[in-house]
Amino acid sequence: MGIPKISNDTDLLHPPAELEKQNHKLKRLVQSPNSTFLDVKCQGCFQITTIFSHSQTVVTCPNCQQVLCQPSGGRAKLTEGCSFRVKEKDMMVLG
């Protein structure tokens, strides 16, 4: 834990992406959340449902009522066998 090790030849204005991702979300050069939206495909009926990565409730498939993810204190734990992809940030529109 703590501050990640940075060598002397690292550019502080343009740090590598892997070092920047290790920093706390508020201590990054450009603040960004750790959470995303996911498209999850149900393994029973193959319907795609959008869920929040840090969902605090059980999410079920609207078609077949199969559980897609369960909360686990931080990130939601996906049901085994469900495939997912991270939604692109360009697609999200804040209303």
C-alpha atoms as a PDB file:
ATOM      1  CA  MET A   1       0.000   0.000   0.000  1.00  0.00           C
ATOM      2  CA  GLY A   2       1.062   3.625   0.207  1.00  0.00           C
ATOM      3  CA  ILE A   3       2.682   5.593  -2.552  1.00  0.00           C
ATOM      4  CA  PRO A   4       3.844   3.584  -5.579  1.00  0.00           C
ATOM      5  CA  LYS A   5       7.594   3.617  -6.269  1.00  0.00           C
ATOM      6  CA  ILE A   6       8.606   6.032  -9.027  1.00  0.00           C
ATOM      7  CA  SER A   7      12.091   5.947 -10.494  1.00  0.00           C
ATOM      8  CA  ASN A   8      14.081   9.149 -10.995  1.00  0.00           C
ATOM      9  CA  ASP A   9      13.615   9.147 -14.764  1.00  0.00           C
ATOM     10  CA  THR A  10       9.769   9.088 -14.639  1.00  0.00           C
ATOM     11  CA  ASP A  11       8.007  12.162 -16.016  1.00  0.00           C
ATOM     12  CA  LEU A  12       5.751  13.431 -13.217  1.00  0.00           C
ATOM     13  CA  LEU A  13       3.495  15.366 -15.607  1.00  0.00           C
ATOM     14  CA  HIS A  14       2.911  12.289 -17.772  1.00  0.00           C
ATOM     15  CA  PRO A  15       3.139   9.227 -15.505  1.00  0.00           C
ATOM     16  CA  PRO A  16       2.646   5.739 -16.959  1.00  0.00           C
ATOM     17  CA  ALA A  17      -0.972   4.548 -16.982  1.00  0.00           C
ATOM     18  CA  GLU A  18      -0.281   1.588 -14.672  1.00  0.00           C
ATOM     19  CA  LEU A  19       1.230   3.870 -12.001  1.00  0.00           C
ATOM     20  CA  GLU A  20      -1.603   6.367 -12.349  1.00  0.00           C
ATOM     21  CA  LYS A  21      -4.227   3.629 -11.934  1.00  0.00           C
ATOM     22  CA  GLN A  22      -2.640   2.574  -8.615  1.00  0.00           C
ATOM     23  CA  ASN A  23      -3.164   6.035  -7.108  1.00  0.00           C
ATOM     24  CA  HIS A  24      -6.296   6.861  -5.142  1.00  0.00           C
ATOM     25  CA  LYS A  25      -9.082   8.174  -7.372  1.00  0.00           C
ATOM     26  CA  LEU A  26      -8.798  11.673  -5.862  1.00  0.00           C
ATOM     27  CA  LYS A  27      -4.967  11.822  -5.969  1.00  0.00           C
ATOM     28  CA  ARG A  28      -4.619  11.204  -9.716  1.00  0.00           C
ATOM     29  CA  LEU A  29      -3.583  14.046 -12.015  1.00  0.00           C
ATOM     30  CA  VAL A  30      -7.045  13.893 -13.556  1.00  0.00           C
ATOM     31  CA  GLN A  31      -9.585  12.610 -11.054  1.00  0.00           C
ATOM     32  CA  SER A  32     -11.557   9.637 -12.352  1.00  0.00           C
ATOM     33  CA  PRO A  33     -13.833   7.098 -10.665  1.00  0.00           C
ATOM     34  CA  ASN A  34     -12.972   3.410 -10.308  1.00  0.00           C
ATOM     35  CA  SER A  35     -16.521   2.393 -11.198  1.00  0.00           C
ATOM     36  CA  THR A  36     -17.945   1.708 -14.666  1.00  0.00           C
ATOM     37  CA  PHE A  37     -21.054   0.383 -16.315  1.00  0.00           C
ATOM     38  CA  LEU A  38     -20.965  -3.178 -17.653  1.00  0.00           C
ATOM     39  CA  ASP A  39     -22.950  -4.951 -20.342  1.00  0.00           C
ATOM     40  CA  VAL A  40     -23.589  -8.428 -18.892  1.00  0.00           C
ATOM     41  CA  LYS A  41     -24.920 -11.267 -21.033  1.00  0.00           C
ATOM     42  CA  CYS A  42     -27.274 -13.682 -19.260  1.00  0.00           C
ATOM     43  CA  GLN A  43     -26.114 -17.283 -19.608  1.00  0.00           C
ATOM     44  CA  GLY A  44     -29.711 -18.557 -19.748  1.00  0.00           C
ATOM     45  CA  CYS A  45     -31.458 -16.371 -22.334  1.00  0.00           C
ATOM     46  CA  PHE A  46     -28.440 -14.416 -23.735  1.00  0.00           C
ATOM     47  CA  GLN A  47     -30.095 -11.041 -23.117  1.00  0.00           C
ATOM     48  CA  ILE A  48     -27.687  -8.155 -22.496  1.00  0.00           C
ATOM     49  CA  THR A  49     -28.317  -6.079 -19.367  1.00  0.00           C
ATOM     50  CA  THR A  50     -26.433  -2.952 -18.260  1.00  0.00           C
ATOM     51  CA  ILE A  51     -25.322  -2.999 -14.618  1.00  0.00           C
ATOM     52  CA  PHE A  52     -23.160  -0.786 -12.402  1.00  0.00           C
ATOM     53  CA  SER A  53     -19.791  -2.295 -11.448  1.00  0.00           C
ATOM     54  CA  HIS A  54     -20.230  -1.365  -7.769  1.00  0.00           C
ATOM     55  CA  SER A  55     -23.902  -2.336  -7.527  1.00  0.00           C
ATOM     56  CA  GLN A  56     -25.147  -2.661  -3.950  1.00  0.00           C
ATOM     57  CA  THR A  57     -28.173  -4.818  -4.769  1.00  0.00           C
ATOM     58  CA  VAL A  58     -28.648  -8.191  -6.417  1.00  0.00           C
ATOM     59  CA  VAL A  59     -29.221  -7.715 -10.160  1.00  0.00           C
ATOM     60  CA  THR A  60     -31.383 -10.269 -11.972  1.00  0.00           C
ATOM     61  CA  CYS A  61     -32.095 -10.819 -15.650  1.00  0.00           C
ATOM     62  CA  PRO A  62     -35.391  -9.098 -16.568  1.00  0.00           C
ATOM     63  CA  ASN A  63     -36.251 -11.991 -18.903  1.00  0.00           C
ATOM     64  CA  CYS A  64     -35.548 -15.183 -16.953  1.00  0.00           C
ATOM     65  CA  GLN A  65     -34.968 -13.829 -13.393  1.00  0.00           C
ATOM     66  CA  GLN A  66     -31.512 -15.436 -13.157  1.00  0.00           C
ATOM     67  CA  VAL A  67     -29.063 -13.665 -10.805  1.00  0.00           C
ATOM     68  CA  LEU A  68     -26.405 -11.749 -12.779  1.00  0.00           C
ATOM     69  CA  CYS A  69     -24.381 -10.237  -9.924  1.00  0.00           C
ATOM     70  CA  GLN A  70     -24.309  -9.977  -6.154  1.00  0.00           C
ATOM     71  CA  PRO A  71     -22.868  -7.186  -3.989  1.00  0.00           C
ATOM     72  CA  SER A  72     -19.598  -7.936  -2.214  1.00  0.00           C
ATOM     73  CA  GLY A  73     -18.742  -4.783  -0.281  1.00  0.00           C
ATOM     74  CA  GLY A  74     -16.874  -3.117  -3.161  1.00  0.00           C
ATOM     75  CA  ARG A  75     -17.252  -4.302  -6.697  1.00  0.00           C
ATOM     76  CA  ALA A  76     -20.223  -6.500  -7.461  1.00  0.00           C
ATOM     77  CA  LYS A  77     -19.349 -10.171  -7.986  1.00  0.00           C
ATOM     78  CA  LEU A  78     -20.584 -11.515 -11.326  1.00  0.00           C
ATOM     79  CA  THR A  79     -22.260 -14.905 -11.450  1.00  0.00           C
ATOM     80  CA  GLU A  80     -19.978 -17.614 -12.810  1.00  0.00           C
ATOM     81  CA  GLY A  81     -20.495 -18.134 -16.537  1.00  0.00           C
ATOM     82  CA  CYS A  82     -21.789 -14.614 -17.272  1.00  0.00           C
ATOM     83  CA  SER A  83     -19.785 -12.752 -19.897  1.00  0.00           C
ATOM     84  CA  PHE A  84     -19.369  -8.978 -19.723  1.00  0.00           C
ATOM     85  CA  ARG A  85     -17.761  -5.991 -21.396  1.00  0.00           C
ATOM     86  CA  VAL A  86     -17.050  -2.519 -20.076  1.00  0.00           C
ATOM     87  CA  LYS A  87     -19.261   0.156 -21.604  1.00  0.00           C
ATOM     88  CA  GLU A  88     -17.416   2.916 -23.406  1.00  0.00           C
ATOM     89  CA  LYS A  89     -17.430   6.260 -21.624  1.00  0.00           C
ATOM     90  CA  ASP A  90     -18.302   8.091 -24.868  1.00  0.00           C
ATOM     91  CA  MET A  91     -21.632   6.262 -24.970  1.00  0.00           C
ATOM     92  CA  MET A  92     -22.729   7.506 -21.534  1.00  0.00           C
ATOM     93  CA  VAL A  93     -24.716  10.726 -21.605  1.00  0.00           C
ATOM     94  CA  LEU A  94     -25.461  12.562 -18.401  1.00  0.00           C
ATOM     95  CA  GLY A  95     -28.982  13.945 -18.415  1.00  0.00           C
END
